[in-house]
Amino acid sequence: MSVLNSRNWKAIESSDLVGSAYLLTVLGEIEVSQINETPILKPAVPQGINPKILLLDLSTQTTGDVGGDATKWTPATYSQPVSAGEYVTVDIVGQASVPVERVLS
């Protein structure tokens, strides 16, 4: 996999009410070079030795037959249900280490 340019990473743990389900959402932007290229974030396998750090792999996928060269920044997102305070950091492997912000809606 080639090294991707990325920026503006955030990791947010949110919940509607105290004691209800929590959701971890990771957001960032990836520079792609084709209009049909989509960023993919998924949990790394294996995860690291620290259970408080979520490791995510970043890659891109080319979709469809129609494409063209066009360098642009495109959003990358990942979400998963979590327990309150389950992660303190999200590491996007080879890109960034992002502290988890906690937000109650």
PDB file of N, CA and C in Angstrom:
ATOM      1  N   MET A   1       0.848  -1.180   0.000  1.00  0.00           N
ATOM      2  CA  MET A   1       0.000   0.000   0.000  1.00  0.00           C
ATOM      3  C   MET A   1       0.887   1.234   0.000  1.00  0.00           C
ATOM      4  N   SER A   2       0.559   2.208  -0.814  1.00  0.00           N
ATOM      5  CA  SER A   2       1.326   3.437  -0.841  1.00  0.00           C
ATOM      6  C   SER A   2       0.926   4.344   0.328  1.00  0.00           C
ATOM      7  N   VAL A   3       1.801   5.279   0.641  1.00  0.00           N
ATOM      8  CA  VAL A   3       1.524   6.217   1.725  1.00  0.00           C
ATOM      9  C   VAL A   3       0.497   7.230   1.232  1.00  0.00           C
ATOM     10  N   LEU A   4      -0.539   7.423   2.014  1.00  0.00           N
ATOM     11  CA  LEU A   4      -1.601   8.356   1.661  1.00  0.00           C
ATOM     12  C   LEU A   4      -1.423   9.655   2.431  1.00  0.00           C
ATOM     13  N   ASN A   5      -1.784  10.765   1.804  1.00  0.00           N
ATOM     14  CA  ASN A   5      -1.812  12.042   2.507  1.00  0.00           C
ATOM     15  C   ASN A   5      -3.148  12.144   3.231  1.00  0.00           C
ATOM     16  N   SER A   6      -3.095  12.574   4.492  1.00  0.00           N
ATOM     17  CA  SER A   6      -4.336  12.720   5.257  1.00  0.00           C
ATOM     18  C   SER A   6      -4.232  13.938   6.156  1.00  0.00           C
ATOM     19  N   ARG A   7      -5.396  14.384   6.646  1.00  0.00           N
ATOM     20  CA  ARG A   7      -5.428  15.562   7.517  1.00  0.00           C
ATOM     21  C   ARG A   7      -6.745  15.604   8.286  1.00  0.00           C
ATOM     22  N   ASN A   8      -6.789  16.500   9.273  1.00  0.00           N
ATOM     23  CA  ASN A   8      -8.013  16.830  10.019  1.00  0.00           C
ATOM     24  C   ASN A   8      -8.674  15.638  10.710  1.00  0.00           C
ATOM     25  N   TRP A   9      -7.878  14.814  11.383  1.00  0.00           N
ATOM     26  CA  TRP A   9      -8.425  13.643  12.061  1.00  0.00           C
ATOM     27  C   TRP A   9      -9.102  14.025  13.374  1.00  0.00           C
ATOM     28  N   LYS A  10     -10.246  13.407  13.653  1.00  0.00           N
ATOM     29  CA  LYS A  10     -10.965  13.542  14.913  1.00  0.00           C
ATOM     30  C   LYS A  10     -11.524  12.180  15.295  1.00  0.00           C
ATOM     31  N   ALA A  11     -11.581  11.925  16.597  1.00  0.00           N
ATOM     32  CA  ALA A  11     -12.222  10.720  17.126  1.00  0.00           C
ATOM     33  C   ALA A  11     -13.179  11.185  18.218  1.00  0.00           C
ATOM     34  N   ILE A  12     -14.461  10.876  18.049  1.00  0.00           N
ATOM     35  CA  ILE A  12     -15.490  11.390  18.953  1.00  0.00           C
ATOM     36  C   ILE A  12     -16.324  10.234  19.496  1.00  0.00           C
ATOM     37  N   GLU A  13     -16.383  10.142  20.826  1.00  0.00           N
ATOM     38  CA  GLU A  13     -17.282   9.196  21.486  1.00  0.00           C
ATOM     39  C   GLU A  13     -18.519   9.979  21.888  1.00  0.00           C
ATOM     40  N   SER A  14     -19.684   9.549  21.427  1.00  0.00           N
ATOM     41  CA  SER A  14     -20.908  10.293  21.710  1.00  0.00           C
ATOM     42  C   SER A  14     -21.990   9.371  22.251  1.00  0.00           C
ATOM     43  N   SER A  15     -22.921  10.002  22.965  1.00  0.00           N
ATOM     44  CA  SER A  15     -24.062   9.294  23.514  1.00  0.00           C
ATOM     45  C   SER A  15     -25.226  10.264  23.615  1.00  0.00           C
ATOM     46  N   ASP A  16     -26.434   9.755  23.418  1.00  0.00           N
ATOM     47  CA  ASP A  16     -27.613  10.604  23.541  1.00  0.00           C
ATOM     48  C   ASP A  16     -27.903  10.951  24.991  1.00  0.00           C
ATOM     49  N   LEU A  17     -27.763   9.968  25.875  1.00  0.00           N
ATOM     50  CA  LEU A  17     -28.038  10.160  27.293  1.00  0.00           C
ATOM     51  C   LEU A  17     -27.011   9.394  28.116  1.00  0.00           C
ATOM     52  N   VAL A  18     -26.759   9.855  29.326  1.00  0.00           N
ATOM     53  CA  VAL A  18     -25.852   9.137  30.214  1.00  0.00           C
ATOM     54  C   VAL A  18     -26.396   7.740  30.457  1.00  0.00           C
ATOM     55  N   GLY A  19     -25.539   6.733  30.308  1.00  0.00           N
ATOM     56  CA  GLY A  19     -25.953   5.359  30.532  1.00  0.00           C
ATOM     57  C   GLY A  19     -26.517   4.664  29.303  1.00  0.00           C
ATOM     58  N   SER A  20     -26.690   5.410  28.213  1.00  0.00           N
ATOM     59  CA  SER A  20     -27.209   4.769  26.997  1.00  0.00           C
ATOM     60  C   SER A  20     -26.036   4.313  26.122  1.00  0.00           C
ATOM     61  N   ALA A  21     -26.337   3.818  24.948  1.00  0.00           N
ATOM     62  CA  ALA A  21     -25.313   3.313  24.035  1.00  0.00           C
ATOM     63  C   ALA A  21     -24.371   4.437  23.599  1.00  0.00           C
ATOM     64  N   TYR A  22     -23.114   4.074  23.412  1.00  0.00           N
ATOM     65  CA  TYR A  22     -22.097   5.017  22.958  1.00  0.00           C
ATOM     66  C   TYR A  22     -21.651   4.639  21.555  1.00  0.00           C
ATOM     67  N   LEU A  23     -21.226   5.640  20.789  1.00  0.00           N
ATOM     68  CA  LEU A  23     -20.755   5.425  19.432  1.00  0.00           C
ATOM     69  C   LEU A  23     -19.434   6.162  19.260  1.00  0.00           C
ATOM     70  N   LEU A  24     -18.419   5.457  18.756  1.00  0.00           N
ATOM     71  CA  LEU A  24     -17.138   6.071  18.433  1.00  0.00           C
ATOM     72  C   LEU A  24     -17.122   6.345  16.938  1.00  0.00           C
ATOM     73  N   THR A  25     -16.879   7.598  16.568  1.00  0.00           N
ATOM     74  CA  THR A  25     -16.819   7.994  15.169  1.00  0.00           C
ATOM     75  C   THR A  25     -15.462   8.619  14.906  1.00  0.00           C
ATOM     76  N   VAL A  26     -14.800   8.138  13.867  1.00  0.00           N
ATOM     77  CA  VAL A  26     -13.488   8.665  13.459  1.00  0.00           C
ATOM     78  C   VAL A  26     -13.674   9.354  12.115  1.00  0.00           C
ATOM     79  N   LEU A  27     -13.179  10.581  12.025  1.00  0.00           N
ATOM     80  CA  LEU A  27     -13.345  11.393  10.822  1.00  0.00           C
ATOM     81  C   LEU A  27     -11.999  11.946  10.391  1.00  0.00           C
ATOM     82  N   GLY A  28     -11.784  12.025   9.099  1.00  0.00           N
ATOM     83  CA  GLY A  28     -10.574  12.632   8.556  1.00  0.00           C
ATOM     84  C   GLY A  28     -10.764  12.885   7.076  1.00  0.00           C
ATOM     85  N   GLU A  29      -9.710  13.385   6.449  1.00  0.00           N
ATOM     86  CA  GLU A  29      -9.741  13.629   5.015  1.00  0.00           C
ATOM     87  C   GLU A  29      -8.515  12.972   4.381  1.00  0.00           C
ATOM     88  N   ILE A  30      -8.719  12.378   3.206  1.00  0.00           N
ATOM     89  CA  ILE A  30      -7.674  11.679   2.475  1.00  0.00           C
ATOM     90  C   ILE A  30      -7.544  12.331   1.099  1.00  0.00           C
ATOM     91  N   GLU A  31      -6.316  12.526   0.661  1.00  0.00           N
ATOM     92  CA  GLU A  31      -6.082  13.039  -0.684  1.00  0.00           C
ATOM     93  C   GLU A  31      -6.098  11.860  -1.656  1.00  0.00           C
ATOM     94  N   VAL A  32      -7.026  11.901  -2.600  1.00  0.00           N
ATOM     95  CA  VAL A  32      -7.121  10.850  -3.613  1.00  0.00           C
ATOM     96  C   VAL A  32      -6.776  11.444  -4.971  1.00  0.00           C
ATOM     97  N   SER A  33      -6.384  10.574  -5.905  1.00  0.00           N
ATOM     98  CA  SER A  33      -5.946  11.060  -7.212  1.00  0.00           C
ATOM     99  C   SER A  33      -6.892  10.685  -8.354  1.00  0.00           C
ATOM    100  N   GLN A  34      -7.972   9.970  -8.035  1.00  0.00           N
ATOM    101  CA  GLN A  34      -8.962   9.613  -9.048  1.00  0.00           C
ATOM    102  C   GLN A  34     -10.356   9.871  -8.501  1.00  0.00           C
ATOM    103  N   ILE A  35     -11.271  10.277  -9.354  1.00  0.00           N
ATOM    104  CA  ILE A  35     -12.607  10.645  -8.879  1.00  0.00           C
ATOM    105  C   ILE A  35     -13.396   9.448  -8.368  1.00  0.00           C
ATOM    106  N   ASN A  36     -13.006   8.220  -8.745  1.00  0.00           N
ATOM    107  CA  ASN A  36     -13.732   7.031  -8.282  1.00  0.00           C
ATOM    108  C   ASN A  36     -12.965   6.290  -7.187  1.00  0.00           C
ATOM    109  N   GLU A  37     -12.089   6.992  -6.478  1.00  0.00           N
ATOM    110  CA  GLU A  37     -11.307   6.401  -5.393  1.00  0.00           C
ATOM    111  C   GLU A  37     -11.942   6.788  -4.055  1.00  0.00           C
ATOM    112  N   THR A  38     -12.192   5.781  -3.199  1.00  0.00           N
ATOM    113  CA  THR A  38     -12.872   5.982  -1.922  1.00  0.00           C
ATOM    114  C   THR A  38     -11.978   5.525  -0.772  1.00  0.00           C
ATOM    115  N   PRO A  39     -11.834   6.347   0.292  1.00  0.00           N
ATOM    116  CA  PRO A  39     -11.062   5.917   1.460  1.00  0.00           C
ATOM    117  C   PRO A  39     -11.796   4.840   2.250  1.00  0.00           C
ATOM    118  N   ILE A  40     -11.027   3.900   2.793  1.00  0.00           N
ATOM    119  CA  ILE A  40     -11.574   2.825   3.616  1.00  0.00           C
ATOM    120  C   ILE A  40     -10.811   2.809   4.947  1.00  0.00           C
ATOM    121  N   LEU A  41     -11.532   2.920   6.054  1.00  0.00           N
ATOM    122  CA  LEU A  41     -10.968   2.753   7.396  1.00  0.00           C
ATOM    123  C   LEU A  41     -11.560   1.491   7.987  1.00  0.00           C
ATOM    124  N   LYS A  42     -10.695   0.608   8.511  1.00  0.00           N
ATOM    125  CA  LYS A  42     -11.195  -0.605   9.156  1.00  0.00           C
ATOM    126  C   LYS A  42     -10.237  -0.999  10.276  1.00  0.00           C
ATOM    127  N   PRO A  43     -10.742  -1.731  11.269  1.00  0.00           N
ATOM    128  CA  PRO A  43      -9.890  -2.140  12.381  1.00  0.00           C
ATOM    129  C   PRO A  43      -8.693  -2.965  11.890  1.00  0.00           C
ATOM    130  N   ALA A  44      -7.528  -2.656  12.428  1.00  0.00           N
ATOM    131  CA  ALA A  44      -6.320  -3.414  12.100  1.00  0.00           C
ATOM    132  C   ALA A  44      -6.405  -4.797  12.736  1.00  0.00           C
ATOM    133  N   VAL A  45      -5.850  -5.782  12.045  1.00  0.00           N
ATOM    134  CA  VAL A  45      -5.793  -7.142  12.573  1.00  0.00           C
ATOM    135  C   VAL A  45      -4.342  -7.588  12.501  1.00  0.00           C
ATOM    136  N   PRO A  46      -3.741  -7.880  13.641  1.00  0.00           N
ATOM    137  CA  PRO A  46      -4.314  -7.856  14.987  1.00  0.00           C
ATOM    138  C   PRO A  46      -4.303  -6.435  15.547  1.00  0.00           C
ATOM    139  N   GLN A  47      -5.080  -6.217  16.594  1.00  0.00           N
ATOM    140  CA  GLN A  47      -5.030  -4.963  17.341  1.00  0.00           C
ATOM    141  C   GLN A  47      -3.741  -4.963  18.161  1.00  0.00           C
ATOM    142  N   GLY A  48      -3.363  -3.816  18.694  1.00  0.00           N
ATOM    143  CA  GLY A  48      -2.137  -3.702  19.478  1.00  0.00           C
ATOM    144  C   GLY A  48      -2.288  -4.294  20.869  1.00  0.00           C
ATOM    145  N   ILE A  49      -1.239  -4.129  21.680  1.00  0.00           N
ATOM    146  CA  ILE A  49      -1.241  -4.711  23.021  1.00  0.00           C
ATOM    147  C   ILE A  49      -1.990  -3.861  24.037  1.00  0.00           C
ATOM    148  N   ASN A  50      -2.223  -2.575  23.728  1.00  0.00           N
ATOM    149  CA  ASN A  50      -2.938  -1.688  24.649  1.00  0.00           C
ATOM    150  C   ASN A  50      -4.426  -1.672  24.278  1.00  0.00           C
ATOM    151  N   PRO A  51      -5.295  -2.231  25.111  1.00  0.00           N
ATOM    152  CA  PRO A  51      -6.721  -2.297  24.772  1.00  0.00           C
ATOM    153  C   PRO A  51      -7.417  -0.932  24.779  1.00  0.00           C
ATOM    154  N   LYS A  52      -6.742   0.127  25.248  1.00  0.00           N
ATOM    155  CA  LYS A  52      -7.334   1.470  25.267  1.00  0.00           C
ATOM    156  C   LYS A  52      -7.050   2.241  23.972  1.00  0.00           C
ATOM    157  N   ILE A  53      -6.284   1.608  23.055  1.00  0.00           N
ATOM    158  CA  ILE A  53      -5.957   2.241  21.776  1.00  0.00           C
ATOM    159  C   ILE A  53      -6.554   1.410  20.646  1.00  0.00           C
ATOM    160  N   LEU A  54      -7.427   2.028  19.861  1.00  0.00           N
ATOM    161  CA  LEU A  54      -8.000   1.373  18.692  1.00  0.00           C
ATOM    162  C   LEU A  54      -7.084   1.635  17.504  1.00  0.00           C
ATOM    163  N   LEU A  55      -6.652   0.578  16.838  1.00  0.00           N
ATOM    164  CA  LEU A  55      -5.830   0.698  15.635  1.00  0.00           C
ATOM    165  C   LEU A  55      -6.709   0.540  14.403  1.00  0.00           C
ATOM    166  N   LEU A  56      -6.628   1.525  13.491  1.00  0.00           N
ATOM    167  CA  LEU A  56      -7.377   1.465  12.242  1.00  0.00           C
ATOM    168  C   LEU A  56      -6.413   1.491  11.061  1.00  0.00           C
ATOM    169  N   ASP A  57      -6.661   0.638  10.072  1.00  0.00           N
ATOM    170  CA  ASP A  57      -5.909   0.647   8.814  1.00  0.00           C
ATOM    171  C   ASP A  57      -6.634   1.554   7.830  1.00  0.00           C
ATOM    172  N   LEU A  58      -5.851   2.301   7.066  1.00  0.00           N
ATOM    173  CA  LEU A  58      -6.386   3.198   6.046  1.00  0.00           C
ATOM    174  C   LEU A  58      -5.944   2.708   4.680  1.00  0.00           C
ATOM    175  N   SER A  59      -6.888   2.598   3.775  1.00  0.00           N
ATOM    176  CA  SER A  59      -6.579   2.230   2.395  1.00  0.00           C
ATOM    177  C   SER A  59      -7.584   2.941   1.489  1.00  0.00           C
ATOM    178  N   THR A  60      -7.461   2.721   0.197  1.00  0.00           N
ATOM    179  CA  THR A  60      -8.451   3.256  -0.737  1.00  0.00           C
ATOM    180  C   THR A  60      -8.953   2.131  -1.619  1.00  0.00           C
ATOM    181  N   GLN A  61     -10.141   2.351  -2.152  1.00  0.00           N
ATOM    182  CA  GLN A  61     -10.762   1.386  -3.050  1.00  0.00           C
ATOM    183  C   GLN A  61     -11.252   2.141  -4.271  1.00  0.00           C
ATOM    184  N   THR A  62     -10.983   1.594  -5.441  1.00  0.00           N
ATOM    185  CA  THR A  62     -11.481   2.179  -6.677  1.00  0.00           C
ATOM    186  C   THR A  62     -12.797   1.500  -7.009  1.00  0.00           C
ATOM    187  N   THR A  63     -13.835   2.308  -7.222  1.00  0.00           N
ATOM    188  CA  THR A  63     -15.163   1.759  -7.476  1.00  0.00           C
ATOM    189  C   THR A  63     -15.619   2.121  -8.886  1.00  0.00           C
ATOM    190  N   GLY A  64     -16.342   1.227  -9.495  1.00  0.00           N
ATOM    191  CA  GLY A  64     -16.900   1.482 -10.822  1.00  0.00           C
ATOM    192  C   GLY A  64     -15.856   1.495 -11.920  1.00  0.00           C
ATOM    193  N   ASP A  65     -16.326   1.575 -13.137  1.00  0.00           N
ATOM    194  CA  ASP A  65     -15.433   1.587 -14.297  1.00  0.00           C
ATOM    195  C   ASP A  65     -15.041   2.992 -14.707  1.00  0.00           C
ATOM    196  N   VAL A  66     -15.869   3.965 -14.365  1.00  0.00           N
ATOM    197  CA  VAL A  66     -15.614   5.329 -14.804  1.00  0.00           C
ATOM    198  C   VAL A  66     -14.749   6.033 -13.778  1.00  0.00           C
ATOM    199  N   GLY A  67     -13.626   6.499 -14.223  1.00  0.00           N
ATOM    200  CA  GLY A  67     -12.717   7.213 -13.344  1.00  0.00           C
ATOM    201  C   GLY A  67     -11.995   8.275 -14.133  1.00  0.00           C
ATOM    202  N   GLY A  68     -11.203   9.005 -13.474  1.00  0.00           N
ATOM    203  CA  GLY A  68     -10.420  10.043 -14.123  1.00  0.00           C
ATOM    204  C   GLY A  68      -9.501  10.650 -13.102  1.00  0.00           C
ATOM    205  N   ASP A  69      -8.436  11.227 -13.593  1.00  0.00           N
ATOM    206  CA  ASP A  69      -7.485  11.860 -12.690  1.00  0.00           C
ATOM    207  C   ASP A  69      -8.062  13.167 -12.164  1.00  0.00           C
ATOM    208  N   ALA A  70      -8.089  13.296 -10.875  1.00  0.00           N
ATOM    209  CA  ALA A  70      -8.564  14.520 -10.223  1.00  0.00           C
ATOM    210  C   ALA A  70      -8.128  14.448  -8.771  1.00  0.00           C
ATOM    211  N   THR A  71      -7.045  15.122  -8.438  1.00  0.00           N
ATOM    212  CA  THR A  71      -6.575  15.115  -7.054  1.00  0.00           C
ATOM    213  C   THR A  71      -7.506  15.984  -6.219  1.00  0.00           C
ATOM    214  N   LYS A  72      -8.020  15.384  -5.138  1.00  0.00           N
ATOM    215  CA  LYS A  72      -8.940  16.118  -4.261  1.00  0.00           C
ATOM    216  C   LYS A  72      -8.895  15.494  -2.873  1.00  0.00           C
ATOM    217  N   TRP A  73      -9.383  16.249  -1.888  1.00  0.00           N
ATOM    218  CA  TRP A  73      -9.530  15.747  -0.517  1.00  0.00           C
ATOM    219  C   TRP A  73     -10.934  15.192  -0.371  1.00  0.00           C
ATOM    220  N   THR A  74     -11.027  13.973   0.154  1.00  0.00           N
ATOM    221  CA  THR A  74     -12.333  13.334   0.318  1.00  0.00           C
ATOM    222  C   THR A  74     -12.459  12.795   1.740  1.00  0.00           C
ATOM    223  N   PRO A  75     -13.660  12.811   2.319  1.00  0.00           N
ATOM    224  CA  PRO A  75     -13.832  12.374   3.707  1.00  0.00           C
ATOM    225  C   PRO A  75     -13.613  10.872   3.889  1.00  0.00           C
ATOM    226  N   ALA A  76     -13.044  10.545   5.029  1.00  0.00           N
ATOM    227  CA  ALA A  76     -12.908   9.152   5.470  1.00  0.00           C
ATOM    228  C   ALA A  76     -13.605   9.056   6.822  1.00  0.00           C
ATOM    229  N   THR A  77     -14.455   8.061   6.996  1.00  0.00           N
ATOM    230  CA  THR A  77     -15.174   7.909   8.257  1.00  0.00           C
ATOM    231  C   THR A  77     -15.201   6.443   8.681  1.00  0.00           C
ATOM    232  N   TYR A  78     -15.306   6.260   9.993  1.00  0.00           N
ATOM    233  CA  TYR A  78     -15.461   4.933  10.574  1.00  0.00           C
ATOM    234  C   TYR A  78     -16.253   5.093  11.854  1.00  0.00           C
ATOM    235  N   SER A  79     -17.202   4.201  12.118  1.00  0.00           N
ATOM    236  CA  SER A  79     -17.994   4.235  13.357  1.00  0.00           C
ATOM    237  C   SER A  79     -18.164   2.827  13.894  1.00  0.00           C
ATOM    238  N   GLN A  80     -18.211   2.742  15.227  1.00  0.00           N
ATOM    239  CA  GLN A  80     -18.525   1.465  15.876  1.00  0.00           C
ATOM    240  C   GLN A  80     -19.093   1.736  17.258  1.00  0.00           C
ATOM    241  N   PRO A  81     -20.006   0.873  17.728  1.00  0.00           N
ATOM    242  CA  PRO A  81     -20.507   0.994  19.097  1.00  0.00           C
ATOM    243  C   PRO A  81     -19.365   0.689  20.076  1.00  0.00           C
ATOM    244  N   VAL A  82     -19.340   1.411  21.199  1.00  0.00           N
ATOM    245  CA  VAL A  82     -18.313   1.205  22.219  1.00  0.00           C
ATOM    246  C   VAL A  82     -18.930   1.339  23.607  1.00  0.00           C
ATOM    247  N   SER A  83     -18.197   0.901  24.604  1.00  0.00           N
ATOM    248  CA  SER A  83     -18.551   1.170  25.997  1.00  0.00           C
ATOM    249  C   SER A  83     -18.010   2.547  26.353  1.00  0.00           C
ATOM    250  N   ALA A  84     -18.599   3.187  27.338  1.00  0.00           N
ATOM    251  CA  ALA A  84     -18.125   4.505  27.779  1.00  0.00           C
ATOM    252  C   ALA A  84     -16.654   4.421  28.168  1.00  0.00           C
ATOM    253  N   GLY A  85     -15.821   5.257  27.579  1.00  0.00           N
ATOM    254  CA  GLY A  85     -14.408   5.305  27.915  1.00  0.00           C
ATOM    255  C   GLY A  85     -13.593   4.113  27.445  1.00  0.00           C
ATOM    256  N   GLU A  86     -14.128   3.314  26.528  1.00  0.00           N
ATOM    257  CA  GLU A  86     -13.429   2.106  26.076  1.00  0.00           C
ATOM    258  C   GLU A  86     -12.075   2.420  25.447  1.00  0.00           C
ATOM    259  N   TYR A  87     -12.007   3.505  24.666  1.00  0.00           N
ATOM    260  CA  TYR A  87     -10.754   3.895  24.019  1.00  0.00           C
ATOM    261  C   TYR A  87     -10.368   5.309  24.438  1.00  0.00           C
ATOM    262  N   VAL A  88      -9.080   5.551  24.594  1.00  0.00           N
ATOM    263  CA  VAL A  88      -8.582   6.897  24.871  1.00  0.00           C
ATOM    264  C   VAL A  88      -7.915   7.503  23.645  1.00  0.00           C
ATOM    265  N   THR A  89      -7.480   6.626  22.733  1.00  0.00           N
ATOM    266  CA  THR A  89      -6.781   7.071  21.533  1.00  0.00           C
ATOM    267  C   THR A  89      -7.173   6.177  20.367  1.00  0.00           C
ATOM    268  N   VAL A  90      -7.211   6.775  19.169  1.00  0.00           N
ATOM    269  CA  VAL A  90      -7.353   6.015  17.933  1.00  0.00           C
ATOM    270  C   VAL A  90      -6.099   6.279  17.111  1.00  0.00           C
ATOM    271  N   ASP A  91      -5.413   5.210  16.731  1.00  0.00           N
ATOM    272  CA  ASP A  91      -4.245   5.325  15.863  1.00  0.00           C
ATOM    273  C   ASP A  91      -4.632   4.899  14.459  1.00  0.00           C
ATOM    274  N   ILE A  92      -4.503   5.833  13.513  1.00  0.00           N
ATOM    275  CA  ILE A  92      -4.652   5.481  12.113  1.00  0.00           C
ATOM    276  C   ILE A  92      -3.244   5.095  11.681  1.00  0.00           C
ATOM    277  N   VAL A  93      -3.025   3.813  11.443  1.00  0.00           N
ATOM    278  CA  VAL A  93      -1.687   3.257  11.244  1.00  0.00           C
ATOM    279  C   VAL A  93      -0.942   4.005  10.135  1.00  0.00           C
ATOM    280  N   GLY A  94       0.232   4.527  10.498  1.00  0.00           N
ATOM    281  CA  GLY A  94       1.069   5.238   9.541  1.00  0.00           C
ATOM    282  C   GLY A  94       0.623   6.653   9.238  1.00  0.00           C
ATOM    283  N   GLN A  95      -0.422   7.137   9.928  1.00  0.00           N
ATOM    284  CA  GLN A  95      -0.974   8.454   9.619  1.00  0.00           C
ATOM    285  C   GLN A  95      -1.021   9.395  10.820  1.00  0.00           C
ATOM    286  N   ALA A  96      -1.730   8.984  11.869  1.00  0.00           N
ATOM    287  CA  ALA A  96      -1.988   9.891  12.985  1.00  0.00           C
ATOM    288  C   ALA A  96      -2.393   9.128  14.236  1.00  0.00           C
ATOM    289  N   SER A  97      -2.166   9.760  15.369  1.00  0.00           N
ATOM    290  CA  SER A  97      -2.653   9.281  16.657  1.00  0.00           C
ATOM    291  C   SER A  97      -3.593  10.358  17.180  1.00  0.00           C
ATOM    292  N   VAL A  98      -4.852   9.985  17.418  1.00  0.00           N
ATOM    293  CA  VAL A  98      -5.896  10.963  17.702  1.00  0.00           C
ATOM    294  C   VAL A  98      -6.526  10.673  19.066  1.00  0.00           C
ATOM    295  N   PRO A  99      -6.508  11.652  19.993  1.00  0.00           N
ATOM    296  CA  PRO A  99      -7.189  11.440  21.273  1.00  0.00           C
ATOM    297  C   PRO A  99      -8.710  11.399  21.066  1.00  0.00           C
ATOM    298  N   VAL A 100      -9.372  10.570  21.855  1.00  0.00           N
ATOM    299  CA  VAL A 100     -10.834  10.455  21.762  1.00  0.00           C
ATOM    300  C   VAL A 100     -11.472  11.570  22.564  1.00  0.00           C
ATOM    301  N   GLU A 101     -12.325  12.362  21.905  1.00  0.00           N
ATOM    302  CA  GLU A 101     -13.116  13.401  22.574  1.00  0.00           C
ATOM    303  C   GLU A 101     -14.438  12.776  22.992  1.00  0.00           C
ATOM    304  N   ARG A 102     -14.898  13.119  24.197  1.00  0.00           N
ATOM    305  CA  ARG A 102     -16.177  12.606  24.670  1.00  0.00           C
ATOM    306  C   ARG A 102     -17.220  13.712  24.634  1.00  0.00           C
ATOM    307  N   VAL A 103     -18.357  13.404  24.004  1.00  0.00           N
ATOM    308  CA  VAL A 103     -19.418  14.385  23.818  1.00  0.00           C
ATOM    309  C   VAL A 103     -20.743  13.762  24.213  1.00  0.00           C
ATOM    310  N   LEU A 104     -21.476  14.393  25.114  1.00  0.00           N
ATOM    311  CA  LEU A 104     -22.837  13.959  25.452  1.00  0.00           C
ATOM    312  C   LEU A 104     -23.801  14.881  24.746  1.00  0.00           C
ATOM    313  N   SER A 105     -24.717  14.298  23.997  1.00  0.00           N
ATOM    314  CA  SER A 105     -25.691  15.103  23.238  1.00  0.00           C
ATOM    315  C   SER A 105     -26.885  15.457  24.095  1.00  0.00           C
TER     316      SER A 105
END
